[in-house]
Amino acid sequence: QVQLVASGGGLVQAGASLRLSCAASGLTFSRYSVAWFRQAPGKERDFVAAITWHDDTTYYADSVKGRFTISRDNAKNTVFLQMNSLKPEDMAVYYCAAALMYSGASKYFRQRGTYDYWGQGTQVTVSS
C-alpha cells in the first residue's frame, strides 16, 4: 500500500521559515518524481514545486521561486520543502504527490493530473 505522509506544517509569523517533509512508503521512491501543491480555503490546489526522479531537476511556481527549495533524500524515501521568508499568502494546506518515472515537459509537472499518489496534507499558517 502506497503512502505519502506530509508533515512539518505549523503556525509561524511572516518572515519565518518552515521545512515540510513528505515520507513515502510502499513504492520504489527513487523512481518517482515528487511535487508539492497547496490549497488555500476556497481556492484550487496549486502547484508549488517539483523534483524529478532521474536527475533532480527542480521546478517552482513563480510565487515561491527564490524562497522555497525542494530536495529529496532517496535513502530516507523523503522529499523536503524548505520554505523561507514566509508570507501570509503562503498560508494553505500543503500536499505532496508522486508520479512514477515522470520526466516530461515542465508544464506537466504543474498539473495535478500528472501525479499518481497524493499525501494527506499539512497545514501551514502564516500570521502577519
C-alpha atoms as a PDB file:
ATOM      1  CA  GLN A   1       0.000   0.000   0.000  1.00  0.00           C
ATOM      2  CA  VAL A   2       1.440   3.326  -1.093  1.00  0.00           C
ATOM      3  CA  GLN A   3       1.514   6.090   1.492  1.00  0.00           C
ATOM      4  CA  LEU A   4       2.758   9.656   1.335  1.00  0.00           C
ATOM      5  CA  VAL A   5       2.820  11.325   4.736  1.00  0.00           C
ATOM      6  CA  ALA A   6       3.314  15.077   4.795  1.00  0.00           C
ATOM      7  CA  SER A   7       4.486  16.749   7.987  1.00  0.00           C
ATOM      8  CA  GLY A   8       6.216  19.858   9.289  1.00  0.00           C
ATOM      9  CA  GLY A   9       3.449  22.392   8.967  1.00  0.00           C
ATOM     10  CA  GLY A  10       2.598  24.816  11.720  1.00  0.00           C
ATOM     11  CA  LEU A  11       1.869  28.375  12.742  1.00  0.00           C
ATOM     12  CA  VAL A  12       4.618  30.919  12.100  1.00  0.00           C
ATOM     13  CA  GLN A  13       4.967  34.660  11.721  1.00  0.00           C
ATOM     14  CA  ALA A  14       5.601  36.307   8.394  1.00  0.00           C
ATOM     15  CA  GLY A  15       9.280  36.140   7.501  1.00  0.00           C
ATOM     16  CA  ALA A  16       9.871  32.877   9.321  1.00  0.00           C
ATOM     17  CA  SER A  17      10.876  29.518   7.863  1.00  0.00           C
ATOM     18  CA  LEU A  18       9.433  26.011   7.876  1.00  0.00           C
ATOM     19  CA  ARG A  19      10.605  22.732   6.426  1.00  0.00           C
ATOM     20  CA  LEU A  20       7.984  20.310   5.227  1.00  0.00           C
ATOM     21  CA  SER A  21       8.691  16.600   4.800  1.00  0.00           C
ATOM     22  CA  CYS A  22       6.952  14.016   2.669  1.00  0.00           C
ATOM     23  CA  ALA A  23       7.781  10.461   3.709  1.00  0.00           C
ATOM     24  CA  ALA A  24       6.910   7.723   1.226  1.00  0.00           C
ATOM     25  CA  SER A  25       6.347   4.026   1.735  1.00  0.00           C
ATOM     26  CA  GLY A  26       5.086   1.147  -0.373  1.00  0.00           C
ATOM     27  CA  LEU A  27       6.833   2.276  -3.545  1.00  0.00           C
ATOM     28  CA  THR A  28      10.296   2.465  -5.107  1.00  0.00           C
ATOM     29  CA  PHE A  29      10.741   6.081  -4.182  1.00  0.00           C
ATOM     30  CA  SER A  30      13.777   6.738  -6.376  1.00  0.00           C
ATOM     31  CA  ARG A  31      11.619   6.105  -9.457  1.00  0.00           C
ATOM     32  CA  TYR A  32       9.118   8.807  -8.628  1.00  0.00           C
ATOM     33  CA  SER A  33       9.092  12.477  -9.448  1.00  0.00           C
ATOM     34  CA  VAL A  34       7.594  14.306  -6.481  1.00  0.00           C
ATOM     35  CA  ALA A  35       5.804  17.619  -6.171  1.00  0.00           C
ATOM     36  CA  TRP A  36       4.272  19.888  -3.595  1.00  0.00           C
ATOM     37  CA  PHE A  37       0.938  21.552  -4.166  1.00  0.00           C
ATOM     38  CA  ARG A  38      -1.008  23.836  -1.850  1.00  0.00           C
ATOM     39  CA  GLN A  39      -4.626  24.702  -1.366  1.00  0.00           C
ATOM     40  CA  ALA A  40      -5.956  27.738   0.432  1.00  0.00           C
ATOM     41  CA  PRO A  41      -9.584  27.882   1.612  1.00  0.00           C
ATOM     42  CA  GLY A  42     -11.952  28.407  -1.283  1.00  0.00           C
ATOM     43  CA  LYS A  43      -9.206  28.092  -3.871  1.00  0.00           C
ATOM     44  CA  GLU A  44      -7.917  25.422  -6.209  1.00  0.00           C
ATOM     45  CA  ARG A  45      -4.968  23.207  -5.394  1.00  0.00           C
ATOM     46  CA  ASP A  46      -1.979  24.925  -6.982  1.00  0.00           C
ATOM     47  CA  PHE A  47       1.474  23.754  -7.936  1.00  0.00           C
ATOM     48  CA  VAL A  48       4.351  24.841  -5.686  1.00  0.00           C
ATOM     49  CA  ALA A  49       7.456  22.844  -6.599  1.00  0.00           C
ATOM     50  CA  ALA A  50       8.594  19.556  -8.119  1.00  0.00           C
ATOM     51  CA  ILE A  51      11.734  17.456  -8.345  1.00  0.00           C
ATOM     52  CA  THR A  52      12.377  14.821 -10.969  1.00  0.00           C
ATOM     53  CA  TRP A  53      13.180  11.198 -10.253  1.00  0.00           C
ATOM     54  CA  HIS A  54      16.137  10.748 -12.589  1.00  0.00           C
ATOM     55  CA  ASP A  55      18.280  13.890 -12.346  1.00  0.00           C
ATOM     56  CA  ASP A  56      16.805  16.018  -9.528  1.00  0.00           C
ATOM     57  CA  THR A  57      15.763  18.814 -11.855  1.00  0.00           C
ATOM     58  CA  THR A  58      13.546  21.213  -9.932  1.00  0.00           C
ATOM     59  CA  TYR A  59      10.597  23.383 -10.929  1.00  0.00           C
ATOM     60  CA  TYR A  60       8.937  26.149  -8.953  1.00  0.00           C
ATOM     61  CA  ALA A  61       5.871  28.310  -9.104  1.00  0.00           C
ATOM     62  CA  ASP A  62       6.792  31.928  -9.754  1.00  0.00           C
ATOM     63  CA  SER A  63       5.269  32.923  -6.423  1.00  0.00           C
ATOM     64  CA  VAL A  64       7.777  30.849  -4.421  1.00  0.00           C
ATOM     65  CA  LYS A  65      10.871  30.992  -6.617  1.00  0.00           C
ATOM     66  CA  GLY A  66      13.866  32.165  -4.613  1.00  0.00           C
ATOM     67  CA  ARG A  67      12.150  31.492  -1.267  1.00  0.00           C
ATOM     68  CA  PHE A  68      11.315  27.769  -1.384  1.00  0.00           C
ATOM     69  CA  THR A  69      13.645  24.875  -2.116  1.00  0.00           C
ATOM     70  CA  ILE A  70      12.604  21.313  -2.896  1.00  0.00           C
ATOM     71  CA  SER A  71      15.038  18.456  -2.319  1.00  0.00           C
ATOM     72  CA  ARG A  72      14.974  14.701  -1.868  1.00  0.00           C
ATOM     73  CA  ASP A  73      16.772  12.016   0.091  1.00  0.00           C
ATOM     74  CA  ASN A  74      16.146   8.708  -1.645  1.00  0.00           C
ATOM     75  CA  ALA A  75      17.881   6.789   1.138  1.00  0.00           C
ATOM     76  CA  LYS A  76      15.181   8.071   3.508  1.00  0.00           C
ATOM     77  CA  ASN A  77      12.332   7.939   0.969  1.00  0.00           C
ATOM     78  CA  THR A  78      11.654  11.574   1.765  1.00  0.00           C
ATOM     79  CA  VAL A  79      11.186  14.835  -0.100  1.00  0.00           C
ATOM     80  CA  PHE A  80      11.605  18.156   1.648  1.00  0.00           C
ATOM     81  CA  LEU A  81      10.274  21.633   1.030  1.00  0.00           C
ATOM     82  CA  GLN A  82      12.312  24.334   2.723  1.00  0.00           C
ATOM     83  CA  MET A  83      10.190  27.455   2.942  1.00  0.00           C
ATOM     84  CA  ASN A  84      11.897  30.720   3.817  1.00  0.00           C
ATOM     85  CA  SER A  85      10.605  34.281   4.084  1.00  0.00           C
ATOM     86  CA  LEU A  86       7.056  33.030   4.504  1.00  0.00           C
ATOM     87  CA  LYS A  87       4.242  35.395   3.639  1.00  0.00           C
ATOM     88  CA  PRO A  88       0.581  35.375   4.688  1.00  0.00           C
ATOM     89  CA  GLU A  89      -0.315  34.400   1.127  1.00  0.00           C
ATOM     90  CA  ASP A  90       1.658  31.166   1.581  1.00  0.00           C
ATOM     91  CA  MET A  91      -0.906  30.007   4.111  1.00  0.00           C
ATOM     92  CA  ALA A  92      -2.551  26.814   2.865  1.00  0.00           C
ATOM     93  CA  VAL A  93      -2.708  23.068   3.249  1.00  0.00           C
ATOM     94  CA  TYR A  94       0.371  21.644   1.554  1.00  0.00           C
ATOM     95  CA  TYR A  95       0.147  18.308  -0.233  1.00  0.00           C
ATOM     96  CA  CYS A  96       2.876  16.129  -1.657  1.00  0.00           C
ATOM     97  CA  ALA A  97       2.299  13.993  -4.738  1.00  0.00           C
ATOM     98  CA  ALA A  98       4.288  11.384  -6.649  1.00  0.00           C
ATOM     99  CA  ALA A  99       4.423  10.399 -10.328  1.00  0.00           C
ATOM    100  CA  LEU A 100       6.085   7.186 -11.468  1.00  0.00           C
ATOM    101  CA  MET A 101       9.175   7.787 -13.614  1.00  0.00           C
ATOM    102  CA  TYR A 102       7.750  11.010 -14.956  1.00  0.00           C
ATOM    103  CA  SER A 103      10.161  13.224 -16.872  1.00  0.00           C
ATOM    104  CA  GLY A 104       8.001  15.067 -19.378  1.00  0.00           C
ATOM    105  CA  ALA A 105       7.763  18.708 -20.296  1.00  0.00           C
ATOM    106  CA  SER A 106       7.951  21.124 -17.389  1.00  0.00           C
ATOM    107  CA  LYS A 107       4.381  22.293 -17.824  1.00  0.00           C
ATOM    108  CA  TYR A 108       3.062  18.858 -16.959  1.00  0.00           C
ATOM    109  CA  PHE A 109       4.808  18.860 -13.587  1.00  0.00           C
ATOM    110  CA  ARG A 110       2.484  21.734 -12.690  1.00  0.00           C
ATOM    111  CA  GLN A 111      -0.660  19.762 -13.412  1.00  0.00           C
ATOM    112  CA  ARG A 112      -2.450  17.737 -10.749  1.00  0.00           C
ATOM    113  CA  GLY A 113      -3.364  15.002 -13.246  1.00  0.00           C
ATOM    114  CA  THR A 114       0.293  14.066 -13.725  1.00  0.00           C
ATOM    115  CA  TYR A 115       0.536  12.523 -10.257  1.00  0.00           C
ATOM    116  CA  ASP A 116      -0.374   9.004  -9.249  1.00  0.00           C
ATOM    117  CA  TYR A 117      -0.384   9.309  -5.473  1.00  0.00           C
ATOM    118  CA  TRP A 118      -1.181  12.059  -3.001  1.00  0.00           C
ATOM    119  CA  GLY A 119      -0.465  12.616   0.665  1.00  0.00           C
ATOM    120  CA  GLN A 120      -2.954  13.839   3.244  1.00  0.00           C
ATOM    121  CA  GLY A 121      -1.688  17.408   3.576  1.00  0.00           C
ATOM    122  CA  THR A 122      -0.125  19.514   6.301  1.00  0.00           C
ATOM    123  CA  GLN A 123      -1.405  22.928   7.357  1.00  0.00           C
ATOM    124  CA  VAL A 124       0.831  25.980   7.104  1.00  0.00           C
ATOM    125  CA  THR A 125      -0.448  29.113   8.812  1.00  0.00           C
ATOM    126  CA  VAL A 126       1.403  32.419   8.472  1.00  0.00           C
ATOM    127  CA  SER A 127       0.417  35.354  10.641  1.00  0.00           C
ATOM    128  CA  SER A 128       1.140  38.903   9.571  1.00  0.00           C
END
